[in-house]
Amino acid sequence: MRLRRRRPAPRHVALVLDGNRRWARRKHLPKVTEGHWVGFRRIPDVLRWCDQAGIEVVTLWMLSTDNLRRDPEEVAIVMNVICAVVRSLAFQDRWTIRHLGTTTGLTSEVRAVLECAERETCGPGRVMTVNLAICYGGRQEIVSAVRAVLARTVAERGISAHEAVEHLTPEQITAEITAGQPPPDLVVRTSGEHRSSGFLLWTGTHARWWFTSTLWPEFTRRHLHRAISDYRKAPL
């Protein structure tokens, strides 16, 4: 009997942190924003579990561009939560922090905190890269990458934008988005939603999705290990 070869462990795991508001409602908390505080405080623990599992890159979708359309008071509180989380992650001294998404729509404080975290954690000796998808949208990511590649091609080759389009390749767009990182192998989404919502549209084309009805504030090490185990058992 021929034994089926198992997949290697994923190098890049992405997580959609979904269900904070629903968790707050189920707990009958006064404000749904309390769910964001509880949920985002889970992030350091989850990153440590990923670190211990030998994962090289973790991408966390914390705030989408669509989320900015919510109640301004809720958005403002989420911005405060993000600032607190990013500061705590930057003090870990183990992980490189990288921002994914646009700065348009972010408060000046969030922009400053993200810039500081990226600058302070870019040195050698870091064992894992943490991508924070904040004010992120998959379609916008592709548009921004295409614009960057075209602008660079025009500048380097001294040709027109029309001519640069003729030289555009999928590999160039991939390189612009990943910045040298491996593409995501496994995407985990909590809260029972079975859709991508535009997350990692380009680089996640071949990623395996793992869904759980568990709300993000209740996500545990067991859930992470089960997701990784199911990924490794899947056919190559």
C-alpha atoms as a PDB file:
ATOM      1  CA  MET A   1       0.000   0.000   0.000  1.00  0.00           C
ATOM      2  CA  ARG A   2       1.339   3.403  -0.969  1.00  0.00           C
ATOM      3  CA  LEU A   3       1.511   5.830   1.938  1.00  0.00           C
ATOM      4  CA  ARG A   4       0.271   9.344   1.296  1.00  0.00           C
ATOM      5  CA  ARG A   5       2.923  11.949   1.885  1.00  0.00           C
ATOM      6  CA  ARG A   6       1.995  14.588   4.456  1.00  0.00           C
ATOM      7  CA  ARG A   7       2.349  18.263   3.759  1.00  0.00           C
ATOM      8  CA  PRO A   8       5.120  20.086   5.580  1.00  0.00           C
ATOM      9  CA  ALA A   9       4.044  22.524   8.283  1.00  0.00           C
ATOM     10  CA  PRO A  10       2.839  25.859   6.887  1.00  0.00           C
ATOM     11  CA  ARG A  11       5.450  28.605   6.643  1.00  0.00           C
ATOM     12  CA  HIS A  12       2.891  31.417   6.448  1.00  0.00           C
ATOM     13  CA  VAL A  13      -0.392  31.417   8.369  1.00  0.00           C
ATOM     14  CA  ALA A  14      -2.965  34.183   7.978  1.00  0.00           C
ATOM     15  CA  LEU A  15      -5.846  34.791  10.368  1.00  0.00           C
ATOM     16  CA  VAL A  16      -9.099  36.697   9.943  1.00  0.00           C
ATOM     17  CA  LEU A  17      -9.922  37.937  13.449  1.00  0.00           C
ATOM     18  CA  ASP A  18     -13.682  37.769  13.095  1.00  0.00           C
ATOM     19  CA  GLY A  19     -16.426  37.734  15.710  1.00  0.00           C
ATOM     20  CA  ASN A  20     -15.382  40.320  18.305  1.00  0.00           C
ATOM     21  CA  ARG A  21     -18.659  42.226  18.105  1.00  0.00           C
ATOM     22  CA  ARG A  22     -20.788  39.075  18.154  1.00  0.00           C
ATOM     23  CA  TRP A  23     -18.876  37.820  21.169  1.00  0.00           C
ATOM     24  CA  ALA A  24     -19.667  41.050  23.037  1.00  0.00           C
ATOM     25  CA  ARG A  25     -23.358  40.727  22.189  1.00  0.00           C
ATOM     26  CA  ARG A  26     -23.466  37.098  23.354  1.00  0.00           C
ATOM     27  CA  LYS A  27     -21.882  38.150  26.627  1.00  0.00           C
ATOM     28  CA  HIS A  28     -24.461  40.946  26.924  1.00  0.00           C
ATOM     29  CA  LEU A  29     -21.711  43.543  27.314  1.00  0.00           C
ATOM     30  CA  PRO A  30     -22.780  47.210  27.301  1.00  0.00           C
ATOM     31  CA  LYS A  31     -20.807  48.031  24.143  1.00  0.00           C
ATOM     32  CA  VAL A  32     -19.658  45.880  21.221  1.00  0.00           C
ATOM     33  CA  THR A  33     -16.295  47.640  21.359  1.00  0.00           C
ATOM     34  CA  GLU A  34     -15.510  45.659  24.515  1.00  0.00           C
ATOM     35  CA  GLY A  35     -15.303  42.660  22.238  1.00  0.00           C
ATOM     36  CA  HIS A  36     -12.495  44.341  20.298  1.00  0.00           C
ATOM     37  CA  TRP A  37     -10.510  44.901  23.490  1.00  0.00           C
ATOM     38  CA  VAL A  38     -10.875  41.271  24.531  1.00  0.00           C
ATOM     39  CA  GLY A  39     -10.270  39.898  21.043  1.00  0.00           C
ATOM     40  CA  PHE A  40      -7.216  41.968  20.217  1.00  0.00           C
ATOM     41  CA  ARG A  41      -5.672  41.138  23.587  1.00  0.00           C
ATOM     42  CA  ARG A  42      -5.584  37.532  22.363  1.00  0.00           C
ATOM     43  CA  ILE A  43      -3.113  38.444  19.644  1.00  0.00           C
ATOM     44  CA  PRO A  44       0.161  38.179  21.640  1.00  0.00           C
ATOM     45  CA  ASP A  45      -0.831  34.717  22.896  1.00  0.00           C
ATOM     46  CA  VAL A  46      -1.733  33.509  19.400  1.00  0.00           C
ATOM     47  CA  LEU A  47       1.531  34.849  17.998  1.00  0.00           C
ATOM     48  CA  ARG A  48       3.494  33.029  20.686  1.00  0.00           C
ATOM     49  CA  TRP A  49       1.725  29.789  19.744  1.00  0.00           C
ATOM     50  CA  CYS A  50       2.612  30.389  16.095  1.00  0.00           C
ATOM     51  CA  ASP A  51       6.195  31.168  17.082  1.00  0.00           C
ATOM     52  CA  GLN A  52       6.424  27.942  19.077  1.00  0.00           C
ATOM     53  CA  ALA A  53       4.987  26.009  16.104  1.00  0.00           C
ATOM     54  CA  GLY A  54       7.862  27.223  13.940  1.00  0.00           C
ATOM     55  CA  ILE A  55       5.755  29.400  11.644  1.00  0.00           C
ATOM     56  CA  GLU A  56       7.833  31.999   9.803  1.00  0.00           C
ATOM     57  CA  VAL A  57       5.160  34.542   8.853  1.00  0.00           C
ATOM     58  CA  VAL A  58       1.795  35.398  10.410  1.00  0.00           C
ATOM     59  CA  THR A  59      -0.667  37.822   8.844  1.00  0.00           C
ATOM     60  CA  LEU A  60      -3.486  39.208  11.006  1.00  0.00           C
ATOM     61  CA  TRP A  61      -6.471  40.972   9.464  1.00  0.00           C
ATOM     62  CA  MET A  62      -7.379  43.454  12.172  1.00  0.00           C
ATOM     63  CA  LEU A  63      -9.262  46.186  10.305  1.00  0.00           C
ATOM     64  CA  SER A  64     -10.684  46.247   6.784  1.00  0.00           C
ATOM     65  CA  THR A  65     -11.349  49.324   4.677  1.00  0.00           C
ATOM     66  CA  ASP A  66     -15.064  48.430   4.918  1.00  0.00           C
ATOM     67  CA  ASN A  67     -14.881  48.582   8.739  1.00  0.00           C
ATOM     68  CA  LEU A  68     -14.175  52.310   8.501  1.00  0.00           C
ATOM     69  CA  ARG A  69     -17.819  52.824   7.468  1.00  0.00           C
ATOM     70  CA  ARG A  70     -19.059  51.750  10.886  1.00  0.00           C
ATOM     71  CA  ASP A  71     -20.164  54.085  13.658  1.00  0.00           C
ATOM     72  CA  PRO A  72     -17.425  56.739  14.109  1.00  0.00           C
ATOM     73  CA  GLU A  73     -17.340  56.191  17.883  1.00  0.00           C
ATOM     74  CA  GLU A  74     -16.721  52.456  17.404  1.00  0.00           C
ATOM     75  CA  VAL A  75     -14.026  53.111  14.789  1.00  0.00           C
ATOM     76  CA  ALA A  76     -12.279  55.547  17.128  1.00  0.00           C
ATOM     77  CA  ILE A  77     -12.201  52.972  19.929  1.00  0.00           C
ATOM     78  CA  VAL A  78     -10.884  50.301  17.554  1.00  0.00           C
ATOM     79  CA  MET A  79      -8.086  52.694  16.579  1.00  0.00           C
ATOM     80  CA  ASN A  80      -7.169  53.048  20.264  1.00  0.00           C
ATOM     81  CA  VAL A  81      -7.179  49.275  20.682  1.00  0.00           C
ATOM     82  CA  ILE A  82      -4.932  48.878  17.641  1.00  0.00           C
ATOM     83  CA  CYS A  83      -2.444  51.393  19.045  1.00  0.00           C
ATOM     84  CA  ALA A  84      -2.237  49.500  22.326  1.00  0.00           C
ATOM     85  CA  VAL A  85      -1.786  46.125  20.609  1.00  0.00           C
ATOM     86  CA  VAL A  86       0.870  47.328  18.169  1.00  0.00           C
ATOM     87  CA  ARG A  87       2.880  48.907  20.992  1.00  0.00           C
ATOM     88  CA  SER A  88       2.777  45.660  22.980  1.00  0.00           C
ATOM     89  CA  LEU A  89       3.875  43.604  19.961  1.00  0.00           C
ATOM     90  CA  ALA A  90       6.791  45.923  19.254  1.00  0.00           C
ATOM     91  CA  PHE A  91       8.130  45.261  22.779  1.00  0.00           C
ATOM     92  CA  GLN A  92       8.311  41.488  22.274  1.00  0.00           C
ATOM     93  CA  ASP A  93      11.839  41.656  20.755  1.00  0.00           C
ATOM     94  CA  ARG A  94      11.191  38.514  18.686  1.00  0.00           C
ATOM     95  CA  TRP A  95       9.013  39.558  15.781  1.00  0.00           C
ATOM     96  CA  THR A  96       9.365  41.885  12.819  1.00  0.00           C
ATOM     97  CA  ILE A  97       6.270  44.050  12.420  1.00  0.00           C
ATOM     98  CA  ARG A  98       5.057  44.991   8.943  1.00  0.00           C
ATOM     99  CA  HIS A  99       1.954  46.997   8.068  1.00  0.00           C
ATOM    100  CA  LEU A 100      -0.294  45.799   5.239  1.00  0.00           C
ATOM    101  CA  GLY A 101      -2.898  48.181   3.922  1.00  0.00           C
ATOM    102  CA  THR A 102      -3.308  51.864   3.338  1.00  0.00           C
ATOM    103  CA  THR A 103      -2.716  54.640   5.845  1.00  0.00           C
ATOM    104  CA  THR A 104      -5.658  56.577   4.409  1.00  0.00           C
ATOM    105  CA  GLY A 105      -8.391  56.592   7.018  1.00  0.00           C
ATOM    106  CA  LEU A 106      -6.066  55.833   9.927  1.00  0.00           C
ATOM    107  CA  THR A 107      -5.612  58.375  12.690  1.00  0.00           C
ATOM    108  CA  SER A 108      -2.275  60.146  12.965  1.00  0.00           C
ATOM    109  CA  GLU A 109      -1.605  58.235  16.189  1.00  0.00           C
ATOM    110  CA  VAL A 110      -2.106  54.841  14.534  1.00  0.00           C
ATOM    111  CA  ARG A 111       0.122  55.838  11.629  1.00  0.00           C
ATOM    112  CA  ALA A 112       2.852  56.981  14.010  1.00  0.00           C
ATOM    113  CA  VAL A 113       2.620  53.805  16.114  1.00  0.00           C
ATOM    114  CA  LEU A 114       2.829  51.576  13.032  1.00  0.00           C
ATOM    115  CA  GLU A 115       5.794  53.496  11.617  1.00  0.00           C
ATOM    116  CA  CYS A 116       7.591  53.271  14.956  1.00  0.00           C
ATOM    117  CA  ALA A 117       6.875  49.522  15.258  1.00  0.00           C
ATOM    118  CA  GLU A 118       8.187  48.829  11.762  1.00  0.00           C
ATOM    119  CA  ARG A 119      11.299  50.894  12.384  1.00  0.00           C
ATOM    120  CA  GLU A 120      12.071  49.453  15.816  1.00  0.00           C
ATOM    121  CA  THR A 121      11.554  45.795  14.856  1.00  0.00           C
ATOM    122  CA  CYS A 122      13.394  45.644  11.528  1.00  0.00           C
ATOM    123  CA  GLY A 123      16.764  44.556  12.969  1.00  0.00           C
ATOM    124  CA  PRO A 124      18.420  41.126  12.766  1.00  0.00           C
ATOM    125  CA  GLY A 125      17.655  38.208  15.062  1.00  0.00           C
ATOM    126  CA  ARG A 126      13.879  38.267  14.634  1.00  0.00           C
ATOM    127  CA  VAL A 127      12.394  34.788  14.389  1.00  0.00           C
ATOM    128  CA  MET A 128       8.988  35.581  12.863  1.00  0.00           C
ATOM    129  CA  THR A 129       7.415  38.275  10.705  1.00  0.00           C
ATOM    130  CA  VAL A 130       4.019  39.618  11.744  1.00  0.00           C
ATOM    131  CA  ASN A 131       1.986  41.378   9.062  1.00  0.00           C
ATOM    132  CA  LEU A 132      -0.720  43.614  10.499  1.00  0.00           C
ATOM    133  CA  ALA A 133      -3.471  44.063   7.931  1.00  0.00           C
ATOM    134  CA  ILE A 134      -4.941  47.339   9.148  1.00  0.00           C
ATOM    135  CA  CYS A 135      -7.158  49.410   6.880  1.00  0.00           C
ATOM    136  CA  TYR A 136      -6.645  46.591   4.392  1.00  0.00           C
ATOM    137  CA  GLY A 137      -8.617  45.615   1.313  1.00  0.00           C
ATOM    138  CA  GLY A 138      -7.593  42.891  -1.132  1.00  0.00           C
ATOM    139  CA  ARG A 139      -8.556  44.757  -4.287  1.00  0.00           C
ATOM    140  CA  GLN A 140      -6.824  47.923  -3.132  1.00  0.00           C
ATOM    141  CA  GLU A 141      -3.685  45.892  -2.400  1.00  0.00           C
ATOM    142  CA  ILE A 142      -3.597  44.701  -6.017  1.00  0.00           C
ATOM    143  CA  VAL A 143      -4.229  48.183  -7.419  1.00  0.00           C
ATOM    144  CA  SER A 144      -1.454  49.667  -5.271  1.00  0.00           C
ATOM    145  CA  ALA A 145       0.977  46.923  -6.318  1.00  0.00           C
ATOM    146  CA  VAL A 146       0.235  47.420 -10.023  1.00  0.00           C
ATOM    147  CA  ARG A 147       0.720  51.174  -9.726  1.00  0.00           C
ATOM    148  CA  ALA A 148       4.030  50.708  -7.901  1.00  0.00           C
ATOM    149  CA  VAL A 149       5.354  48.245 -10.485  1.00  0.00           C
ATOM    150  CA  LEU A 150       4.335  50.475 -13.393  1.00  0.00           C
ATOM    151  CA  ALA A 151       5.862  53.573 -11.809  1.00  0.00           C
ATOM    152  CA  ARG A 152       9.133  51.760 -11.178  1.00  0.00           C
ATOM    153  CA  THR A 153       9.219  50.356 -14.709  1.00  0.00           C
ATOM    154  CA  VAL A 154       8.665  53.815 -16.198  1.00  0.00           C
ATOM    155  CA  ALA A 155      11.441  55.287 -14.046  1.00  0.00           C
ATOM    156  CA  GLU A 156      13.951  52.489 -14.630  1.00  0.00           C
ATOM    157  CA  ARG A 157      13.421  52.001 -18.353  1.00  0.00           C
ATOM    158  CA  GLY A 158      12.548  55.543 -19.334  1.00  0.00           C
ATOM    159  CA  ILE A 159       9.422  54.449 -21.178  1.00  0.00           C
ATOM    160  CA  SER A 160       5.828  55.624 -21.171  1.00  0.00           C
ATOM    161  CA  ALA A 161       3.172  54.243 -18.853  1.00  0.00           C
ATOM    162  CA  HIS A 162       1.450  52.672 -21.864  1.00  0.00           C
ATOM    163  CA  GLU A 163       4.648  50.838 -22.771  1.00  0.00           C
ATOM    164  CA  ALA A 164       5.183  49.802 -19.151  1.00  0.00           C
ATOM    165  CA  VAL A 165       1.831  48.030 -19.170  1.00  0.00           C
ATOM    166  CA  GLU A 166       3.113  45.772 -21.944  1.00  0.00           C
ATOM    167  CA  HIS A 167       5.963  44.636 -19.679  1.00  0.00           C
ATOM    168  CA  LEU A 168       3.732  43.952 -16.652  1.00  0.00           C
ATOM    169  CA  THR A 169       3.818  40.340 -15.385  1.00  0.00           C
ATOM    170  CA  PRO A 170       2.085  38.425 -12.578  1.00  0.00           C
ATOM    171  CA  GLU A 171       5.503  37.726 -11.072  1.00  0.00           C
ATOM    172  CA  GLN A 172       6.184  41.456 -10.692  1.00  0.00           C
ATOM    173  CA  ILE A 173       2.894  41.999  -8.874  1.00  0.00           C
ATOM    174  CA  THR A 174       3.546  39.017  -6.606  1.00  0.00           C
ATOM    175  CA  ALA A 175       7.014  40.281  -5.740  1.00  0.00           C
ATOM    176  CA  GLU A 176       5.642  43.748  -4.960  1.00  0.00           C
ATOM    177  CA  ILE A 177       2.970  42.410  -2.604  1.00  0.00           C
ATOM    178  CA  THR A 178       4.992  39.726  -0.804  1.00  0.00           C
ATOM    179  CA  ALA A 179       8.177  41.791  -0.391  1.00  0.00           C
ATOM    180  CA  GLY A 180      10.186  38.579  -0.276  1.00  0.00           C
ATOM    181  CA  GLN A 181       7.843  36.680   2.038  1.00  0.00           C
ATOM    182  CA  PRO A 182       6.433  33.239   1.220  1.00  0.00           C
ATOM    183  CA  PRO A 183       2.782  33.328   0.121  1.00  0.00           C
ATOM    184  CA  PRO A 184       0.203  32.265   2.713  1.00  0.00           C
ATOM    185  CA  ASP A 185      -0.192  28.496   3.003  1.00  0.00           C
ATOM    186  CA  LEU A 186      -3.071  28.464   5.479  1.00  0.00           C
ATOM    187  CA  VAL A 187      -5.803  31.026   6.136  1.00  0.00           C
ATOM    188  CA  VAL A 188      -7.890  30.674   9.292  1.00  0.00           C
ATOM    189  CA  ARG A 189     -11.201  32.493   9.693  1.00  0.00           C
ATOM    190  CA  THR A 190     -13.134  32.501  12.935  1.00  0.00           C
ATOM    191  CA  SER A 191     -16.826  33.183  13.671  1.00  0.00           C
ATOM    192  CA  GLY A 192     -18.373  30.721  11.207  1.00  0.00           C
ATOM    193  CA  GLU A 193     -18.204  32.935   8.123  1.00  0.00           C
ATOM    194  CA  HIS A 194     -17.254  30.903   5.030  1.00  0.00           C
ATOM    195  CA  ARG A 195     -16.046  33.637   2.697  1.00  0.00           C
ATOM    196  CA  SER A 196     -12.804  35.444   1.944  1.00  0.00           C
ATOM    197  CA  SER A 197     -14.184  39.008   2.102  1.00  0.00           C
ATOM    198  CA  GLY A 198     -11.377  39.954  -0.270  1.00  0.00           C
ATOM    199  CA  PHE A 199      -8.568  38.882   2.049  1.00  0.00           C
ATOM    200  CA  LEU A 200      -5.251  38.121   0.301  1.00  0.00           C
ATOM    201  CA  LEU A 201      -6.894  37.943  -3.112  1.00  0.00           C
ATOM    202  CA  TRP A 202      -3.607  37.774  -4.988  1.00  0.00           C
ATOM    203  CA  THR A 203      -1.107  35.946  -2.799  1.00  0.00           C
ATOM    204  CA  GLY A 204      -3.682  33.652  -1.197  1.00  0.00           C
ATOM    205  CA  THR A 205      -4.795  32.105  -4.489  1.00  0.00           C
ATOM    206  CA  HIS A 206      -3.447  28.664  -3.553  1.00  0.00           C
ATOM    207  CA  ALA A 207      -3.843  28.909   0.214  1.00  0.00           C
ATOM    208  CA  ARG A 208      -5.931  26.367   2.099  1.00  0.00           C
ATOM    209  CA  TRP A 209      -8.765  27.889   4.125  1.00  0.00           C
ATOM    210  CA  TRP A 210      -9.796  26.572   7.528  1.00  0.00           C
ATOM    211  CA  PHE A 211     -13.039  27.800   9.071  1.00  0.00           C
ATOM    212  CA  THR A 212     -14.263  27.565  12.648  1.00  0.00           C
ATOM    213  CA  SER A 213     -17.483  28.764  14.256  1.00  0.00           C
ATOM    214  CA  THR A 214     -15.462  29.837  17.300  1.00  0.00           C
ATOM    215  CA  LEU A 215     -15.474  33.596  17.787  1.00  0.00           C
ATOM    216  CA  TRP A 216     -12.059  35.231  17.807  1.00  0.00           C
ATOM    217  CA  PRO A 217     -11.988  36.126  21.547  1.00  0.00           C
ATOM    218  CA  GLU A 218     -12.380  32.397  22.297  1.00  0.00           C
ATOM    219  CA  PHE A 219      -9.731  31.167  19.828  1.00  0.00           C
ATOM    220  CA  THR A 220      -7.275  28.853  21.595  1.00  0.00           C
ATOM    221  CA  ARG A 221      -4.023  27.018  21.009  1.00  0.00           C
ATOM    222  CA  ARG A 222      -6.101  23.895  20.352  1.00  0.00           C
ATOM    223  CA  HIS A 223      -7.866  25.605  17.438  1.00  0.00           C
ATOM    224  CA  LEU A 224      -4.561  26.703  15.939  1.00  0.00           C
ATOM    225  CA  HIS A 225      -3.032  23.237  16.230  1.00  0.00           C
ATOM    226  CA  ARG A 226      -6.128  21.647  14.719  1.00  0.00           C
ATOM    227  CA  ALA A 227      -5.976  24.052  11.763  1.00  0.00           C
ATOM    228  CA  ILE A 228      -2.317  23.220  11.197  1.00  0.00           C
ATOM    229  CA  SER A 229      -2.975  19.487  11.579  1.00  0.00           C
ATOM    230  CA  ASP A 230      -5.864  19.585   9.062  1.00  0.00           C
ATOM    231  CA  TYR A 231      -3.647  21.544   6.676  1.00  0.00           C
ATOM    232  CA  ARG A 232      -0.916  18.913   6.868  1.00  0.00           C
ATOM    233  CA  LYS A 233      -3.374  16.064   6.312  1.00  0.00           C
ATOM    234  CA  ALA A 234      -4.854  17.650   3.177  1.00  0.00           C
ATOM    235  CA  PRO A 235      -3.832  16.162  -0.199  1.00  0.00           C
ATOM    236  CA  LEU A 236      -0.790  17.746  -1.802  1.00  0.00           C
END
